[in-house]
Structures are given as C-alpha cells and as structure tokens.
Amino acid sequence: CAMPVMDFFQVPATARASFAFYNTREEI
C-alpha cells in the first residue's frame, strides 16, 4: 500500500520481513 515508493525505486514490488519483540534470530 505504498505504490509511489515502489515507483521511486523502480521495482514492481518488494519482499518485506518485519519484526516484533517476540521474534528471534533463529527465525531470521
């Protein structure tokens, strides 16, 4: 939901990993 950002970086989409405090290094 940030299509102008994708246009700026000239990519159709990205993959995104977003972390919370219950995540771990092992999951990364």
mmCIF file of all heavy atoms, coordinates in Angstrom:
data_MODEL
# 
_entry.id   MODEL 
# 
loop_
_atom_site.group_PDB 
_atom_site.id 
_atom_site.type_symbol 
_atom_site.label_atom_id 
_atom_site.label_alt_id 
_atom_site.label_comp_id 
_atom_site.label_asym_id 
_atom_site.label_entity_id 
_atom_site.label_seq_id 
_atom_site.pdbx_PDB_ins_code 
_atom_site.Cartn_x 
_atom_site.Cartn_y 
_atom_site.Cartn_z 
_atom_site.occupancy 
_atom_site.B_iso_or_equiv 
_atom_site.pdbx_formal_charge 
_atom_site.auth_seq_id 
_atom_site.auth_comp_id 
_atom_site.auth_asym_id 
_atom_site.auth_atom_id 
_atom_site.pdbx_PDB_model_num 
ATOM 1   N N   . CYS A 1 1  ? 0.840  -1.216  0.000   1.00 0.00 ? 1  CYS A N   1 
ATOM 2   C CA  . CYS A 1 1  ? 0.000  0.000   0.000   1.00 0.00 ? 1  CYS A CA  1 
ATOM 3   C C   . CYS A 1 1  ? 0.867  1.254   0.000   1.00 0.00 ? 1  CYS A C   1 
ATOM 4   O O   . CYS A 1 1  ? 0.557  2.251   0.662   1.00 0.00 ? 1  CYS A O   1 
ATOM 5   C CB  . CYS A 1 1  ? -0.954 0.009   1.181   1.00 0.00 ? 1  CYS A CB  1 
ATOM 6   S SG  . CYS A 1 1  ? -2.221 -1.274  1.093   1.00 0.00 ? 1  CYS A SG  1 
ATOM 7   N N   . ALA A 1 2  ? 1.955  1.182   -0.736  1.00 0.00 ? 2  ALA A N   1 
ATOM 8   C CA  . ALA A 1 2  ? 2.867  2.326   -0.877  1.00 0.00 ? 2  ALA A CA  1 
ATOM 9   C C   . ALA A 1 2  ? 3.412  2.317   -2.304  1.00 0.00 ? 2  ALA A C   1 
ATOM 10  O O   . ALA A 1 2  ? 4.632  2.277   -2.527  1.00 0.00 ? 2  ALA A O   1 
ATOM 11  C CB  . ALA A 1 2  ? 3.992  2.247   0.145   1.00 0.00 ? 2  ALA A CB  1 
ATOM 12  N N   . MET A 1 3  ? 2.510  2.361   -3.267  1.00 0.00 ? 3  MET A N   1 
ATOM 13  C CA  . MET A 1 3  ? 2.918  2.246   -4.670  1.00 0.00 ? 3  MET A CA  1 
ATOM 14  C C   . MET A 1 3  ? 3.886  3.342   -5.111  1.00 0.00 ? 3  MET A C   1 
ATOM 15  O O   . MET A 1 3  ? 4.809  3.067   -5.897  1.00 0.00 ? 3  MET A O   1 
ATOM 16  C CB  . MET A 1 3  ? 1.678  2.203   -5.565  1.00 0.00 ? 3  MET A CB  1 
ATOM 17  C CG  . MET A 1 3  ? 0.839  0.944   -5.356  1.00 0.00 ? 3  MET A CG  1 
ATOM 18  S SD  . MET A 1 3  ? -0.668 0.887   -6.356  1.00 0.00 ? 3  MET A SD  1 
ATOM 19  C CE  . MET A 1 3  ? 0.044  0.493   -7.962  1.00 0.00 ? 3  MET A CE  1 
ATOM 20  N N   . PRO A 1 4  ? 3.752  4.596   -4.650  1.00 0.00 ? 4  PRO A N   1 
ATOM 21  C CA  . PRO A 1 4  ? 4.750  5.599   -5.037  1.00 0.00 ? 4  PRO A CA  1 
ATOM 22  C C   . PRO A 1 4  ? 6.165  5.262   -4.587  1.00 0.00 ? 4  PRO A C   1 
ATOM 23  O O   . PRO A 1 4  ? 7.136  5.637   -5.259  1.00 0.00 ? 4  PRO A O   1 
ATOM 24  C CB  . PRO A 1 4  ? 4.237  6.878   -4.358  1.00 0.00 ? 4  PRO A CB  1 
ATOM 25  C CG  . PRO A 1 4  ? 2.762  6.694   -4.287  1.00 0.00 ? 4  PRO A CG  1 
ATOM 26  C CD  . PRO A 1 4  ? 2.605  5.233   -3.972  1.00 0.00 ? 4  PRO A CD  1 
ATOM 27  N N   . VAL A 1 5  ? 6.302  4.547   -3.475  1.00 0.00 ? 5  VAL A N   1 
ATOM 28  C CA  . VAL A 1 5  ? 7.627  4.111   -3.041  1.00 0.00 ? 5  VAL A CA  1 
ATOM 29  C C   . VAL A 1 5  ? 8.206  3.117   -4.039  1.00 0.00 ? 5  VAL A C   1 
ATOM 30  O O   . VAL A 1 5  ? 9.388  3.197   -4.419  1.00 0.00 ? 5  VAL A O   1 
ATOM 31  C CB  . VAL A 1 5  ? 7.561  3.490   -1.628  1.00 0.00 ? 5  VAL A CB  1 
ATOM 32  C CG1 . VAL A 1 5  ? 8.912  2.886   -1.257  1.00 0.00 ? 5  VAL A CG1 1 
ATOM 33  C CG2 . VAL A 1 5  ? 7.147  4.526   -0.605  1.00 0.00 ? 5  VAL A CG2 1 
ATOM 34  N N   . MET A 1 6  ? 7.381  2.172   -4.499  1.00 0.00 ? 6  MET A N   1 
ATOM 35  C CA  . MET A 1 6  ? 7.844  1.203   -5.489  1.00 0.00 ? 6  MET A CA  1 
ATOM 36  C C   . MET A 1 6  ? 8.245  1.905   -6.784  1.00 0.00 ? 6  MET A C   1 
ATOM 37  O O   . MET A 1 6  ? 9.277  1.576   -7.392  1.00 0.00 ? 6  MET A O   1 
ATOM 38  C CB  . MET A 1 6  ? 6.753  0.172   -5.778  1.00 0.00 ? 6  MET A CB  1 
ATOM 39  C CG  . MET A 1 6  ? 6.233  -0.587  -4.563  1.00 0.00 ? 6  MET A CG  1 
ATOM 40  S SD  . MET A 1 6  ? 7.472  -1.560  -3.686  1.00 0.00 ? 6  MET A SD  1 
ATOM 41  C CE  . MET A 1 6  ? 7.487  -0.702  -2.098  1.00 0.00 ? 6  MET A CE  1 
ATOM 42  N N   . ASP A 1 7  ? 7.460  2.901   -7.183  1.00 0.00 ? 7  ASP A N   1 
ATOM 43  C CA  . ASP A 1 7  ? 7.783  3.660   -8.398  1.00 0.00 ? 7  ASP A CA  1 
ATOM 44  C C   . ASP A 1 7  ? 9.123  4.368   -8.247  1.00 0.00 ? 7  ASP A C   1 
ATOM 45  O O   . ASP A 1 7  ? 9.926  4.402   -9.191  1.00 0.00 ? 7  ASP A O   1 
ATOM 46  C CB  . ASP A 1 7  ? 6.682  4.681   -8.697  1.00 0.00 ? 7  ASP A CB  1 
ATOM 47  C CG  . ASP A 1 7  ? 5.373  4.040   -9.107  1.00 0.00 ? 7  ASP A CG  1 
ATOM 48  O OD1 . ASP A 1 7  ? 5.391  2.855   -9.509  1.00 0.00 ? 7  ASP A OD1 1 
ATOM 49  O OD2 . ASP A 1 7  ? 4.327  4.711   -9.015  1.00 0.00 ? 7  ASP A OD2 1 
ATOM 50  N N   . PHE A 1 8  ? 9.385  4.924   -7.069  1.00 0.00 ? 8  PHE A N   1 
ATOM 51  C CA  . PHE A 1 8  ? 10.640 5.643   -6.844  1.00 0.00 ? 8  PHE A CA  1 
ATOM 52  C C   . PHE A 1 8  ? 11.838 4.714   -6.999  1.00 0.00 ? 8  PHE A C   1 
ATOM 53  O O   . PHE A 1 8  ? 12.846 5.078   -7.613  1.00 0.00 ? 8  PHE A O   1 
ATOM 54  C CB  . PHE A 1 8  ? 10.651 6.283   -5.452  1.00 0.00 ? 8  PHE A CB  1 
ATOM 55  C CG  . PHE A 1 8  ? 11.954 6.956   -5.109  1.00 0.00 ? 8  PHE A CG  1 
ATOM 56  C CD1 . PHE A 1 8  ? 12.208 8.246   -5.545  1.00 0.00 ? 8  PHE A CD1 1 
ATOM 57  C CD2 . PHE A 1 8  ? 12.928 6.292   -4.370  1.00 0.00 ? 8  PHE A CD2 1 
ATOM 58  C CE1 . PHE A 1 8  ? 13.417 8.866   -5.247  1.00 0.00 ? 8  PHE A CE1 1 
ATOM 59  C CE2 . PHE A 1 8  ? 14.129 6.907   -4.064  1.00 0.00 ? 8  PHE A CE2 1 
ATOM 60  C CZ  . PHE A 1 8  ? 14.373 8.194   -4.499  1.00 0.00 ? 8  PHE A CZ  1 
ATOM 61  N N   . PHE A 1 9  ? 11.730 3.504   -6.447  1.00 0.00 ? 9  PHE A N   1 
ATOM 62  C CA  . PHE A 1 9  ? 12.852 2.560   -6.510  1.00 0.00 ? 9  PHE A CA  1 
ATOM 63  C C   . PHE A 1 9  ? 12.814 1.705   -7.779  1.00 0.00 ? 9  PHE A C   1 
ATOM 64  O O   . PHE A 1 9  ? 13.648 0.815   -7.952  1.00 0.00 ? 9  PHE A O   1 
ATOM 65  C CB  . PHE A 1 9  ? 12.867 1.677   -5.272  1.00 0.00 ? 9  PHE A CB  1 
ATOM 66  C CG  . PHE A 1 9  ? 13.351 2.389   -4.029  1.00 0.00 ? 9  PHE A CG  1 
ATOM 67  C CD1 . PHE A 1 9  ? 12.449 2.892   -3.112  1.00 0.00 ? 9  PHE A CD1 1 
ATOM 68  C CD2 . PHE A 1 9  ? 14.701 2.581   -3.821  1.00 0.00 ? 9  PHE A CD2 1 
ATOM 69  C CE1 . PHE A 1 9  ? 12.886 3.560   -1.972  1.00 0.00 ? 9  PHE A CE1 1 
ATOM 70  C CE2 . PHE A 1 9  ? 15.158 3.245   -2.689  1.00 0.00 ? 9  PHE A CE2 1 
ATOM 71  C CZ  . PHE A 1 9  ? 14.244 3.745   -1.767  1.00 0.00 ? 9  PHE A CZ  1 
ATOM 72  N N   . GLN A 1 10 ? 11.838 1.965   -8.639  1.00 0.00 ? 10 GLN A N   1 
ATOM 73  C CA  . GLN A 1 10 ? 11.719 1.296   -9.943  1.00 0.00 ? 10 GLN A CA  1 
ATOM 74  C C   . GLN A 1 10 ? 11.655 -0.224  -9.797  1.00 0.00 ? 10 GLN A C   1 
ATOM 75  O O   . GLN A 1 10 ? 12.328 -0.974  -10.485 1.00 0.00 ? 10 GLN A O   1 
ATOM 76  C CB  . GLN A 1 10 ? 12.867 1.717   -10.864 1.00 0.00 ? 10 GLN A CB  1 
ATOM 77  C CG  . GLN A 1 10 ? 12.868 3.212   -11.161 1.00 0.00 ? 10 GLN A CG  1 
ATOM 78  C CD  . GLN A 1 10 ? 13.974 3.625   -12.119 1.00 0.00 ? 10 GLN A CD  1 
ATOM 79  O OE1 . GLN A 1 10 ? 15.028 2.987   -12.200 1.00 0.00 ? 10 GLN A OE1 1 
ATOM 80  N NE2 . GLN A 1 10 ? 13.741 4.697   -12.851 1.00 0.00 ? 10 GLN A NE2 1 
ATOM 81  N N   . VAL A 1 11 ? 10.815 -0.642  -8.857  1.00 0.00 ? 11 VAL A N   1 
ATOM 82  C CA  . VAL A 1 11 ? 10.543 -2.063  -8.676  1.00 0.00 ? 11 VAL A CA  1 
ATOM 83  C C   . VAL A 1 11 ? 9.027  -2.241  -8.630  1.00 0.00 ? 11 VAL A C   1 
ATOM 84  O O   . VAL A 1 11 ? 8.306  -1.362  -8.159  1.00 0.00 ? 11 VAL A O   1 
ATOM 85  C CB  . VAL A 1 11 ? 11.190 -2.622  -7.391  1.00 0.00 ? 11 VAL A CB  1 
ATOM 86  C CG1 . VAL A 1 11 ? 12.705 -2.569  -7.480  1.00 0.00 ? 11 VAL A CG1 1 
ATOM 87  C CG2 . VAL A 1 11 ? 10.699 -1.871  -6.154  1.00 0.00 ? 11 VAL A CG2 1 
ATOM 88  N N   . PRO A 1 12 ? 8.518  -3.385  -9.128  1.00 0.00 ? 12 PRO A N   1 
ATOM 89  C CA  . PRO A 1 12 ? 7.067  -3.596  -9.074  1.00 0.00 ? 12 PRO A CA  1 
ATOM 90  C C   . PRO A 1 12 ? 6.576  -3.908  -7.675  1.00 0.00 ? 12 PRO A C   1 
ATOM 91  O O   . PRO A 1 12 ? 5.419  -3.667  -7.335  1.00 0.00 ? 12 PRO A O   1 
ATOM 92  C CB  . PRO A 1 12 ? 6.852  -4.794  -10.001 1.00 0.00 ? 12 PRO A CB  1 
ATOM 93  C CG  . PRO A 1 12 ? 8.148  -5.539  -9.959  1.00 0.00 ? 12 PRO A CG  1 
ATOM 94  C CD  . PRO A 1 12 ? 9.212  -4.495  -9.817  1.00 0.00 ? 12 PRO A CD  1 
ATOM 95  N N   . ALA A 1 13 ? 7.468  -4.463  -6.862  1.00 0.00 ? 13 ALA A N   1 
ATOM 96  C CA  . ALA A 1 13 ? 7.104  -4.901  -5.515  1.00 0.00 ? 13 ALA A CA  1 
ATOM 97  C C   . ALA A 1 13 ? 8.387  -5.243  -4.771  1.00 0.00 ? 13 ALA A C   1 
ATOM 98  O O   . ALA A 1 13 ? 9.469  -5.323  -5.362  1.00 0.00 ? 13 ALA A O   1 
ATOM 99  C CB  . ALA A 1 13 ? 6.187  -6.116  -5.586  1.00 0.00 ? 13 ALA A CB  1 
ATOM 100 N N   . THR A 1 14 ? 8.258  -5.433  -3.473  1.00 0.00 ? 14 THR A N   1 
ATOM 101 C CA  . THR A 1 14 ? 9.379  -5.930  -2.683  1.00 0.00 ? 14 THR A CA  1 
ATOM 102 C C   . THR A 1 14 ? 8.893  -7.068  -1.792  1.00 0.00 ? 14 THR A C   1 
ATOM 103 O O   . THR A 1 14 ? 7.693  -7.265  -1.600  1.00 0.00 ? 14 THR A O   1 
ATOM 104 C CB  . THR A 1 14 ? 10.004 -4.844  -1.787  1.00 0.00 ? 14 THR A CB  1 
ATOM 105 O OG1 . THR A 1 14 ? 9.096  -4.492  -0.742  1.00 0.00 ? 14 THR A OG1 1 
ATOM 106 C CG2 . THR A 1 14 ? 10.380 -3.608  -2.584  1.00 0.00 ? 14 THR A CG2 1 
ATOM 107 N N   . ALA A 1 15 ? 9.842  -7.802  -1.256  1.00 0.00 ? 15 ALA A N   1 
ATOM 108 C CA  . ALA A 1 15 ? 9.565  -8.715  -0.147  1.00 0.00 ? 15 ALA A CA  1 
ATOM 109 C C   . ALA A 1 15 ? 9.920  -7.965  1.133   1.00 0.00 ? 15 ALA A C   1 
ATOM 110 O O   . ALA A 1 15 ? 10.880 -7.184  1.157   1.00 0.00 ? 15 ALA A O   1 
ATOM 111 C CB  . ALA A 1 15 ? 10.385 -9.985  -0.278  1.00 0.00 ? 15 ALA A CB  1 
ATOM 112 N N   . ARG A 1 16 ? 9.157  -8.197  2.182   1.00 0.00 ? 16 ARG A N   1 
ATOM 113 C CA  . ARG A 1 16 ? 9.376  -7.433  3.421   1.00 0.00 ? 16 ARG A CA  1 
ATOM 114 C C   . ARG A 1 16 ? 9.292  -8.349  4.632   1.00 0.00 ? 16 ARG A C   1 
ATOM 115 O O   . ARG A 1 16 ? 8.299  -9.041  4.831   1.00 0.00 ? 16 ARG A O   1 
ATOM 116 C CB  . ARG A 1 16 ? 8.325  -6.332  3.551   1.00 0.00 ? 16 ARG A CB  1 
ATOM 117 C CG  . ARG A 1 16 ? 8.503  -5.439  4.789   1.00 0.00 ? 16 ARG A CG  1 
ATOM 118 C CD  . ARG A 1 16 ? 7.313  -4.501  4.965   1.00 0.00 ? 16 ARG A CD  1 
ATOM 119 N NE  . ARG A 1 16 ? 6.096  -5.227  5.315   1.00 0.00 ? 16 ARG A NE  1 
ATOM 120 C CZ  . ARG A 1 16 ? 4.882  -4.685  5.337   1.00 0.00 ? 16 ARG A CZ  1 
ATOM 121 N NH1 . ARG A 1 16 ? 4.721  -3.415  5.003   1.00 0.00 ? 16 ARG A NH1 1 
ATOM 122 N NH2 . ARG A 1 16 ? 3.832  -5.405  5.673   1.00 0.00 ? 16 ARG A NH2 1 
ATOM 123 N N   . ALA A 1 17 ? 10.358 -8.334  5.411   1.00 0.00 ? 17 ALA A N   1 
ATOM 124 C CA  . ALA A 1 17 ? 10.356 -9.001  6.712   1.00 0.00 ? 17 ALA A CA  1 
ATOM 125 C C   . ALA A 1 17 ? 10.255 -7.922  7.778   1.00 0.00 ? 17 ALA A C   1 
ATOM 126 O O   . ALA A 1 17 ? 11.040 -6.971  7.770   1.00 0.00 ? 17 ALA A O   1 
ATOM 127 C CB  . ALA A 1 17 ? 11.625 -9.823  6.902   1.00 0.00 ? 17 ALA A CB  1 
ATOM 128 N N   . SER A 1 18 ? 9.288  -8.050  8.667   1.00 0.00 ? 18 SER A N   1 
ATOM 129 C CA  . SER A 1 18 ? 9.105  -7.038  9.708   1.00 0.00 ? 18 SER A CA  1 
ATOM 130 C C   . SER A 1 18 ? 9.005  -7.741  11.054  1.00 0.00 ? 18 SER A C   1 
ATOM 131 O O   . SER A 1 18 ? 8.257  -8.698  11.219  1.00 0.00 ? 18 SER A O   1 
ATOM 132 C CB  . SER A 1 18 ? 7.861  -6.198  9.432   1.00 0.00 ? 18 SER A CB  1 
ATOM 133 O OG  . SER A 1 18 ? 6.733  -7.009  9.146   1.00 0.00 ? 18 SER A OG  1 
ATOM 134 N N   . PHE A 1 19 ? 9.777  -7.261  12.008  1.00 0.00 ? 19 PHE A N   1 
ATOM 135 C CA  . PHE A 1 19 ? 9.984  -7.973  13.266  1.00 0.00 ? 19 PHE A CA  1 
ATOM 136 C C   . PHE A 1 19 ? 9.204  -7.337  14.415  1.00 0.00 ? 19 PHE A C   1 
ATOM 137 O O   . PHE A 1 19 ? 8.943  -6.140  14.435  1.00 0.00 ? 19 PHE A O   1 
ATOM 138 C CB  . PHE A 1 19 ? 11.468 -7.991  13.623  1.00 0.00 ? 19 PHE A CB  1 
ATOM 139 C CG  . PHE A 1 19 ? 12.365 -8.390  12.491  1.00 0.00 ? 19 PHE A CG  1 
ATOM 140 C CD1 . PHE A 1 19 ? 13.408 -7.577  12.083  1.00 0.00 ? 19 PHE A CD1 1 
ATOM 141 C CD2 . PHE A 1 19 ? 12.149 -9.572  11.802  1.00 0.00 ? 19 PHE A CD2 1 
ATOM 142 C CE1 . PHE A 1 19 ? 14.237 -7.936  11.024  1.00 0.00 ? 19 PHE A CE1 1 
ATOM 143 C CE2 . PHE A 1 19 ? 12.972 -9.953  10.740  1.00 0.00 ? 19 PHE A CE2 1 
ATOM 144 C CZ  . PHE A 1 19 ? 14.012 -9.117  10.354  1.00 0.00 ? 19 PHE A CZ  1 
ATOM 145 N N   . ALA A 1 20 ? 8.865  -8.178  15.388  1.00 0.00 ? 20 ALA A N   1 
ATOM 146 C CA  . ALA A 1 20 ? 8.290  -7.743  16.656  1.00 0.00 ? 20 ALA A CA  1 
ATOM 147 C C   . ALA A 1 20 ? 9.139  -8.316  17.778  1.00 0.00 ? 20 ALA A C   1 
ATOM 148 O O   . ALA A 1 20 ? 10.047 -9.131  17.550  1.00 0.00 ? 20 ALA A O   1 
ATOM 149 C CB  . ALA A 1 20 ? 6.846  -8.210  16.779  1.00 0.00 ? 20 ALA A CB  1 
ATOM 150 N N   . PHE A 1 21 ? 8.828  -7.924  19.007  1.00 0.00 ? 21 PHE A N   1 
ATOM 151 C CA  . PHE A 1 21 ? 9.663  -8.325  20.140  1.00 0.00 ? 21 PHE A CA  1 
ATOM 152 C C   . PHE A 1 21 ? 9.596  -9.814  20.423  1.00 0.00 ? 21 PHE A C   1 
ATOM 153 O O   . PHE A 1 21 ? 10.440 -10.341 21.152  1.00 0.00 ? 21 PHE A O   1 
ATOM 154 C CB  . PHE A 1 21 ? 9.283  -7.529  21.390  1.00 0.00 ? 21 PHE A CB  1 
ATOM 155 C CG  . PHE A 1 21 ? 7.854  -7.713  21.837  1.00 0.00 ? 21 PHE A CG  1 
ATOM 156 C CD1 . PHE A 1 21 ? 7.505  -8.752  22.675  1.00 0.00 ? 21 PHE A CD1 1 
ATOM 157 C CD2 . PHE A 1 21 ? 6.872  -6.838  21.412  1.00 0.00 ? 21 PHE A CD2 1 
ATOM 158 C CE1 . PHE A 1 21 ? 6.193  -8.915  23.087  1.00 0.00 ? 21 PHE A CE1 1 
ATOM 159 C CE2 . PHE A 1 21 ? 5.559  -6.982  21.819  1.00 0.00 ? 21 PHE A CE2 1 
ATOM 160 C CZ  . PHE A 1 21 ? 5.203  -8.025  22.655  1.00 0.00 ? 21 PHE A CZ  1 
ATOM 161 N N   . TYR A 1 22 ? 8.600  -10.528 19.845  1.00 0.00 ? 22 TYR A N   1 
ATOM 162 C CA  . TYR A 1 22 ? 8.535  -11.978 20.063  1.00 0.00 ? 22 TYR A CA  1 
ATOM 163 C C   . TYR A 1 22 ? 9.297  -12.763 18.999  1.00 0.00 ? 22 TYR A C   1 
ATOM 164 O O   . TYR A 1 22 ? 9.304  -13.993 19.019  1.00 0.00 ? 22 TYR A O   1 
ATOM 165 C CB  . TYR A 1 22 ? 7.093  -12.469 20.144  1.00 0.00 ? 22 TYR A CB  1 
ATOM 166 C CG  . TYR A 1 22 ? 6.142  -11.919 19.091  1.00 0.00 ? 22 TYR A CG  1 
ATOM 167 C CD1 . TYR A 1 22 ? 6.328  -12.155 17.735  1.00 0.00 ? 22 TYR A CD1 1 
ATOM 168 C CD2 . TYR A 1 22 ? 5.043  -11.153 19.478  1.00 0.00 ? 22 TYR A CD2 1 
ATOM 169 C CE1 . TYR A 1 22 ? 5.451  -11.653 16.783  1.00 0.00 ? 22 TYR A CE1 1 
ATOM 170 C CE2 . TYR A 1 22 ? 4.156  -10.647 18.538  1.00 0.00 ? 22 TYR A CE2 1 
ATOM 171 C CZ  . TYR A 1 22 ? 4.364  -10.895 17.195  1.00 0.00 ? 22 TYR A CZ  1 
ATOM 172 O OH  . TYR A 1 22 ? 3.501  -10.395 16.257  1.00 0.00 ? 22 TYR A OH  1 
ATOM 173 N N   . ASN A 1 23 ? 9.933  -12.078 18.076  1.00 0.00 ? 23 ASN A N   1 
ATOM 174 C CA  . ASN A 1 23 ? 10.732 -12.766 17.058  1.00 0.00 ? 23 ASN A CA  1 
ATOM 175 C C   . ASN A 1 23 ? 12.139 -13.052 17.567  1.00 0.00 ? 23 ASN A C   1 
ATOM 176 O O   . ASN A 1 23 ? 12.596 -12.478 18.556  1.00 0.00 ? 23 ASN A O   1 
ATOM 177 C CB  . ASN A 1 23 ? 10.801 -11.938 15.775  1.00 0.00 ? 23 ASN A CB  1 
ATOM 178 C CG  . ASN A 1 23 ? 9.485  -11.901 15.037  1.00 0.00 ? 23 ASN A CG  1 
ATOM 179 O OD1 . ASN A 1 23 ? 8.972  -10.833 14.690  1.00 0.00 ? 23 ASN A OD1 1 
ATOM 180 N ND2 . ASN A 1 23 ? 8.891  -13.067 14.786  1.00 0.00 ? 23 ASN A ND2 1 
ATOM 181 N N   . THR A 1 24 ? 12.821 -13.971 16.855  1.00 0.00 ? 24 THR A N   1 
ATOM 182 C CA  . THR A 1 24 ? 14.136 -14.428 17.299  1.00 0.00 ? 24 THR A CA  1 
ATOM 183 C C   . THR A 1 24 ? 15.131 -14.417 16.146  1.00 0.00 ? 24 THR A C   1 
ATOM 184 O O   . THR A 1 24 ? 14.755 -14.374 14.977  1.00 0.00 ? 24 THR A O   1 
ATOM 185 C CB  . THR A 1 24 ? 14.054 -15.866 17.849  1.00 0.00 ? 24 THR A CB  1 
ATOM 186 O OG1 . THR A 1 24 ? 13.712 -16.762 16.770  1.00 0.00 ? 24 THR A OG1 1 
ATOM 187 C CG2 . THR A 1 24 ? 13.011 -15.974 18.949  1.00 0.00 ? 24 THR A CG2 1 
ATOM 188 N N   . ARG A 1 25 ? 16.397 -14.485 16.501  1.00 0.00 ? 25 ARG A N   1 
ATOM 189 C CA  . ARG A 1 25 ? 17.444 -14.599 15.475  1.00 0.00 ? 25 ARG A CA  1 
ATOM 190 C C   . ARG A 1 25 ? 17.289 -15.895 14.687  1.00 0.00 ? 25 ARG A C   1 
ATOM 191 O O   . ARG A 1 25 ? 17.572 -15.929 13.487  1.00 0.00 ? 25 ARG A O   1 
ATOM 192 C CB  . ARG A 1 25 ? 18.820 -14.547 16.141  1.00 0.00 ? 25 ARG A CB  1 
ATOM 193 C CG  . ARG A 1 25 ? 19.220 -13.175 16.663  1.00 0.00 ? 25 ARG A CG  1 
ATOM 194 C CD  . ARG A 1 25 ? 20.661 -13.184 17.138  1.00 0.00 ? 25 ARG A CD  1 
ATOM 195 N NE  . ARG A 1 25 ? 21.135 -11.843 17.459  1.00 0.00 ? 25 ARG A NE  1 
ATOM 196 C CZ  . ARG A 1 25 ? 22.420 -11.532 17.615  1.00 0.00 ? 25 ARG A CZ  1 
ATOM 197 N NH1 . ARG A 1 25 ? 23.341 -12.484 17.480  1.00 0.00 ? 25 ARG A NH1 1 
ATOM 198 N NH2 . ARG A 1 25 ? 22.779 -10.299 17.909  1.00 0.00 ? 25 ARG A NH2 1 
ATOM 199 N N   . GLU A 1 26 ? 16.864 -16.944 15.361  1.00 0.00 ? 26 GLU A N   1 
ATOM 200 C CA  . GLU A 1 26 ? 16.703 -18.230 14.679  1.00 0.00 ? 26 GLU A CA  1 
ATOM 201 C C   . GLU A 1 26 ? 15.666 -18.126 13.560  1.00 0.00 ? 26 GLU A C   1 
ATOM 202 O O   . GLU A 1 26 ? 15.829 -18.744 12.495  1.00 0.00 ? 26 GLU A O   1 
ATOM 203 C CB  . GLU A 1 26 ? 16.274 -19.294 15.703  1.00 0.00 ? 26 GLU A CB  1 
ATOM 204 C CG  . GLU A 1 26 ? 16.183 -20.707 15.154  1.00 0.00 ? 26 GLU A CG  1 
ATOM 205 C CD  . GLU A 1 26 ? 14.790 -21.050 14.618  1.00 0.00 ? 26 GLU A CD  1 
ATOM 206 O OE1 . GLU A 1 26 ? 13.814 -20.387 15.033  1.00 0.00 ? 26 GLU A OE1 1 
ATOM 207 O OE2 . GLU A 1 26 ? 14.678 -21.957 13.772  1.00 0.00 ? 26 GLU A OE2 1 
ATOM 208 N N   . GLU A 1 27 ? 14.622 -17.342 13.763  1.00 0.00 ? 27 GLU A N   1 
ATOM 209 C CA  . GLU A 1 27 ? 13.618 -17.158 12.713  1.00 0.00 ? 27 GLU A CA  1 
ATOM 210 C C   . GLU A 1 27 ? 14.203 -16.412 11.521  1.00 0.00 ? 27 GLU A C   1 
ATOM 211 O O   . GLU A 1 27 ? 13.865 -16.687 10.370  1.00 0.00 ? 27 GLU A O   1 
ATOM 212 C CB  . GLU A 1 27 ? 12.410 -16.416 13.286  1.00 0.00 ? 27 GLU A CB  1 
ATOM 213 C CG  . GLU A 1 27 ? 11.606 -17.248 14.266  1.00 0.00 ? 27 GLU A CG  1 
ATOM 214 C CD  . GLU A 1 27 ? 10.461 -16.484 14.881  1.00 0.00 ? 27 GLU A CD  1 
ATOM 215 O OE1 . GLU A 1 27 ? 10.645 -15.296 15.231  1.00 0.00 ? 27 GLU A OE1 1 
ATOM 216 O OE2 . GLU A 1 27 ? 9.353  -17.065 15.013  1.00 0.00 ? 27 GLU A OE2 1 
ATOM 217 N N   . ILE A 1 28 ? 15.100 -15.469 11.792  1.00 0.00 ? 28 ILE A N   1 
ATOM 218 C CA  . ILE A 1 28 ? 15.777 -14.758 10.704  1.00 0.00 ? 28 ILE A CA  1 
ATOM 219 C C   . ILE A 1 28 ? 16.683 -15.715 9.938   1.00 0.00 ? 28 ILE A C   1 
ATOM 220 O O   . ILE A 1 28 ? 16.760 -15.665 8.699   1.00 0.00 ? 28 ILE A O   1 
ATOM 221 C CB  . ILE A 1 28 ? 16.565 -13.562 11.266  1.00 0.00 ? 28 ILE A CB  1 
ATOM 222 C CG1 . ILE A 1 28 ? 15.594 -12.529 11.854  1.00 0.00 ? 28 ILE A CG1 1 
ATOM 223 C CG2 . ILE A 1 28 ? 17.446 -12.931 10.183  1.00 0.00 ? 28 ILE A CG2 1 
ATOM 224 C CD1 . ILE A 1 28 ? 16.254 -11.406 12.609  1.00 0.00 ? 28 ILE A CD1 1 
# 
